[in-house]
C-alpha atoms as a PDB file:
ATOM      1  CA  MET A   1       0.025   0.068   0.005  1.00  0.00           C
ATOM      2  CA  GLY A   2       1.365   3.325  -0.982  1.00  0.00           C
ATOM      3  CA  VAL A   3       1.606   6.227   1.482  1.00  0.00           C
ATOM      4  CA  LYS A   4      -1.026   8.318  -0.389  1.00  0.00           C
ATOM      5  CA  SER A   5      -3.704   5.502  -0.178  1.00  0.00           C
ATOM      6  CA  PHE A   6      -2.686   4.878   3.490  1.00  0.00           C
ATOM      7  CA  ILE A   7      -3.090   8.483   4.646  1.00  0.00           C
ATOM      8  CA  THR A   8      -6.391   9.011   2.907  1.00  0.00           C
ATOM      9  CA  GLN A   9      -8.116   6.145   4.669  1.00  0.00           C
ATOM     10  CA  HIS A  10     -10.140   6.545   7.812  1.00  0.00           C
ATOM     11  CA  PRO A  11      -9.019   7.045  10.734  1.00  0.00           C
ATOM     12  CA  PHE A  12      -5.523   7.933   9.546  1.00  0.00           C
ATOM     13  CA  HIS A  13      -6.640  10.805   7.434  1.00  0.00           C
ATOM     14  CA  GLU A  14      -8.115  12.606  10.405  1.00  0.00           C
ATOM     15  CA  LYS A  15      -4.962  11.901  12.539  1.00  0.00           C
ATOM     16  CA  PHE A  16      -2.659  13.302   9.752  1.00  0.00           C
ATOM     17  CA  LYS A  17      -4.843  16.436   9.431  1.00  0.00           C
ATOM     18  CA  SER A  18      -4.609  17.058  13.111  1.00  0.00           C
ATOM     19  CA  THR A  19      -0.843  16.409  13.428  1.00  0.00           C
ATOM     20  CA  ILE A  20       0.739  17.637  10.192  1.00  0.00           C
ATOM     21  CA  THR A  21       0.564  21.327   9.545  1.00  0.00           C
ATOM     22  CA  ARG A  22       0.225  22.370   5.936  1.00  0.00           C
ATOM     23  CA  PRO A  23       1.738  25.732   4.995  1.00  0.00           C
ATOM     24  CA  ASN A  24      -0.656  28.603   4.498  1.00  0.00           C
ATOM     25  CA  GLY A  25      -0.842  30.632   1.406  1.00  0.00           C
ATOM     26  CA  LYS A  26      -1.294  30.181  -2.344  1.00  0.00           C
ATOM     27  CA  LEU A  27       1.207  28.566  -4.568  1.00  0.00           C
ATOM     28  CA  ASP A  28       0.990  31.246  -7.276  1.00  0.00           C
ATOM     29  CA  LYS A  29       4.540  32.457  -6.903  1.00  0.00           C
ATOM     30  CA  PRO A  30       7.371  31.381  -9.246  1.00  0.00           C
ATOM     31  CA  ILE A  31       9.391  28.374  -8.239  1.00  0.00           C
ATOM     32  CA  LEU A  32      12.549  29.557  -6.561  1.00  0.00           C
ATOM     33  CA  ALA A  33      14.362  26.200  -6.741  1.00  0.00           C
ATOM     34  CA  PRO A  34      13.325  24.403  -9.876  1.00  0.00           C
ATOM     35  CA  PRO A  35      13.729  20.575 -10.029  1.00  0.00           C
ATOM     36  CA  LEU A  36      17.106  19.398 -11.094  1.00  0.00           C
ATOM     37  CA  THR A  37      15.643  16.219 -12.537  1.00  0.00           C
ATOM     38  CA  SER A  38      12.780  15.121 -14.694  1.00  0.00           C
ATOM     39  CA  HIS A  39      12.587  11.806 -12.723  1.00  0.00           C
ATOM     40  CA  TYR A  40       9.622  12.881 -10.679  1.00  0.00           C
ATOM     41  CA  GLN A  41       8.522   9.401  -9.876  1.00  0.00           C
ATOM     42  CA  LEU A  42      11.959   8.650  -8.319  1.00  0.00           C
ATOM     43  CA  VAL A  43      11.720  11.813  -6.186  1.00  0.00           C
ATOM     44  CA  GLY A  44       8.248  10.653  -5.097  1.00  0.00           C
ATOM     45  CA  ILE A  45       9.560   7.278  -4.086  1.00  0.00           C
ATOM     46  CA  ALA A  46      12.319   8.910  -2.147  1.00  0.00           C
ATOM     47  CA  PHE A  47       9.839  11.067  -0.313  1.00  0.00           C
ATOM     48  CA  ASP A  48       7.678   7.947   0.334  1.00  0.00           C
ATOM     49  CA  TYR A  49      10.700   6.267   1.942  1.00  0.00           C
ATOM     50  CA  LEU A  50      11.535   9.337   3.995  1.00  0.00           C
ATOM     51  CA  LEU A  51       7.979   9.603   5.331  1.00  0.00           C
ATOM     52  CA  ARG A  52       7.954   5.907   6.161  1.00  0.00           C
ATOM     53  CA  PHE A  53      11.275   6.182   8.074  1.00  0.00           C
ATOM     54  CA  HIS A  54       9.908   9.119  10.001  1.00  0.00           C
ATOM     55  CA  LEU A  55       6.655   7.301  10.839  1.00  0.00           C
ATOM     56  CA  GLU A  56       8.571   4.212  12.016  1.00  0.00           C
ATOM     57  CA  ARG A  57      10.842   6.381  14.085  1.00  0.00           C
ATOM     58  CA  ILE A  58       8.041   8.153  15.922  1.00  0.00           C
ATOM     59  CA  ASN A  59       5.994   4.866  16.298  1.00  0.00           C
ATOM     60  CA  VAL A  60       8.645   2.619  17.720  1.00  0.00           C
ATOM     61  CA  GLY A  61       6.480  -0.473  18.317  1.00  0.00           C
ATOM     62  CA  SER A  62       4.773  -0.272  14.928  1.00  0.00           C
ATOM     63  CA  LYS A  63       4.384  -3.343  12.728  1.00  0.00           C
ATOM     64  CA  THR A  64       6.333  -3.064   9.486  1.00  0.00           C
ATOM     65  CA  SER A  65       6.682  -5.101   6.354  1.00  0.00           C
ATOM     66  CA  ALA A  66       9.379  -5.581   3.774  1.00  0.00           C
ATOM     67  CA  TRP A  67      10.390  -2.509   1.787  1.00  0.00           C
ATOM     68  CA  ALA A  68       9.852  -2.568  -1.959  1.00  0.00           C
ATOM     69  CA  ALA A  69      13.638  -2.191  -2.428  1.00  0.00           C
ATOM     70  CA  GLU A  70      14.225  -5.314  -0.344  1.00  0.00           C
ATOM     71  CA  GLU A  71      11.695  -7.302  -2.424  1.00  0.00           C
ATOM     72  CA  GLY A  72      13.286  -5.895  -5.625  1.00  0.00           C
ATOM     73  CA  VAL A  73      16.605  -7.258  -4.677  1.00  0.00           C
ATOM     74  CA  THR A  74      15.170 -10.613  -4.029  1.00  0.00           C
ATOM     75  CA  PHE A  75      13.287 -10.511  -7.312  1.00  0.00           C
ATOM     76  CA  LEU A  76      16.488  -9.661  -9.201  1.00  0.00           C
ATOM     77  CA  LEU A  77      18.734 -12.198  -7.449  1.00  0.00           C
ATOM     78  CA  ASP A  78      16.517 -15.223  -7.542  1.00  0.00           C
ATOM     79  CA  PRO A  79      16.820 -15.772 -11.344  1.00  0.00           C
ATOM     80  CA  LEU A  80      20.578 -15.148 -11.123  1.00  0.00           C
ATOM     81  CA  GLU A  81      20.936 -17.793  -8.401  1.00  0.00           C
ATOM     82  CA  GLU A  82      18.918 -20.270 -10.463  1.00  0.00           C
ATOM     83  CA  SER A  83      21.066 -19.609 -13.529  1.00  0.00           C
ATOM     84  CA  SER A  84      24.190 -20.020 -11.465  1.00  0.00           C
ATOM     85  CA  ASP A  85      22.842 -23.340 -10.046  1.00  0.00           C
ATOM     86  CA  GLN A  86      21.956 -24.520 -13.536  1.00  0.00           C
ATOM     87  CA  TYR A  87      25.417 -23.605 -14.818  1.00  0.00           C
ATOM     88  CA  GLU A  88      27.074 -25.474 -11.996  1.00  0.00           C
ATOM     89  CA  LYS A  89      24.944 -28.483 -12.582  1.00  0.00           C
ATOM     90  CA  SER A  90      25.697 -28.444 -16.310  1.00  0.00           C
ATOM     91  CA  LYS A  91      29.460 -28.288 -15.593  1.00  0.00           C
ATOM     92  CA  THR A  92      29.368 -31.329 -13.319  1.00  0.00           C
ATOM     93  CA  SER A  93      27.029 -33.372 -15.508  1.00  0.00           C
ATOM     94  CA  SER A  94      29.162 -32.777 -18.605  1.00  0.00           C
ATOM     95  CA  GLY A  95      32.313 -33.703 -16.708  1.00  0.00           C
ATOM     96  CA  SER A  96      34.148 -30.587 -17.760  1.00  0.00           C
ATOM     97  CA  SER A  97      36.062 -28.378 -15.415  1.00  0.00           C
ATOM     98  CA  ALA A  98      36.505 -24.742 -16.088  1.00  0.00           C
END
């Protein structure tokens, strides 16, 4: 579940509204520090991680799950480990030594 969908659900939405102060004013002024990247999704993911770290820090006993980055590493390494195992099996079954 993404942070946006999490904080818009009841009762979390009300708690966030009461604890997180939004800045007052309109955003009709020019941007003083324009983005240095066009990778907006990556910046959003970084913000998501930052908010999750902050929430875990202030809620010490909270229940957490695996991070997407941790699952991604597992997803990437599993096929490599299978390929390595298949390579090693093929070396021993063919009788060759490299």
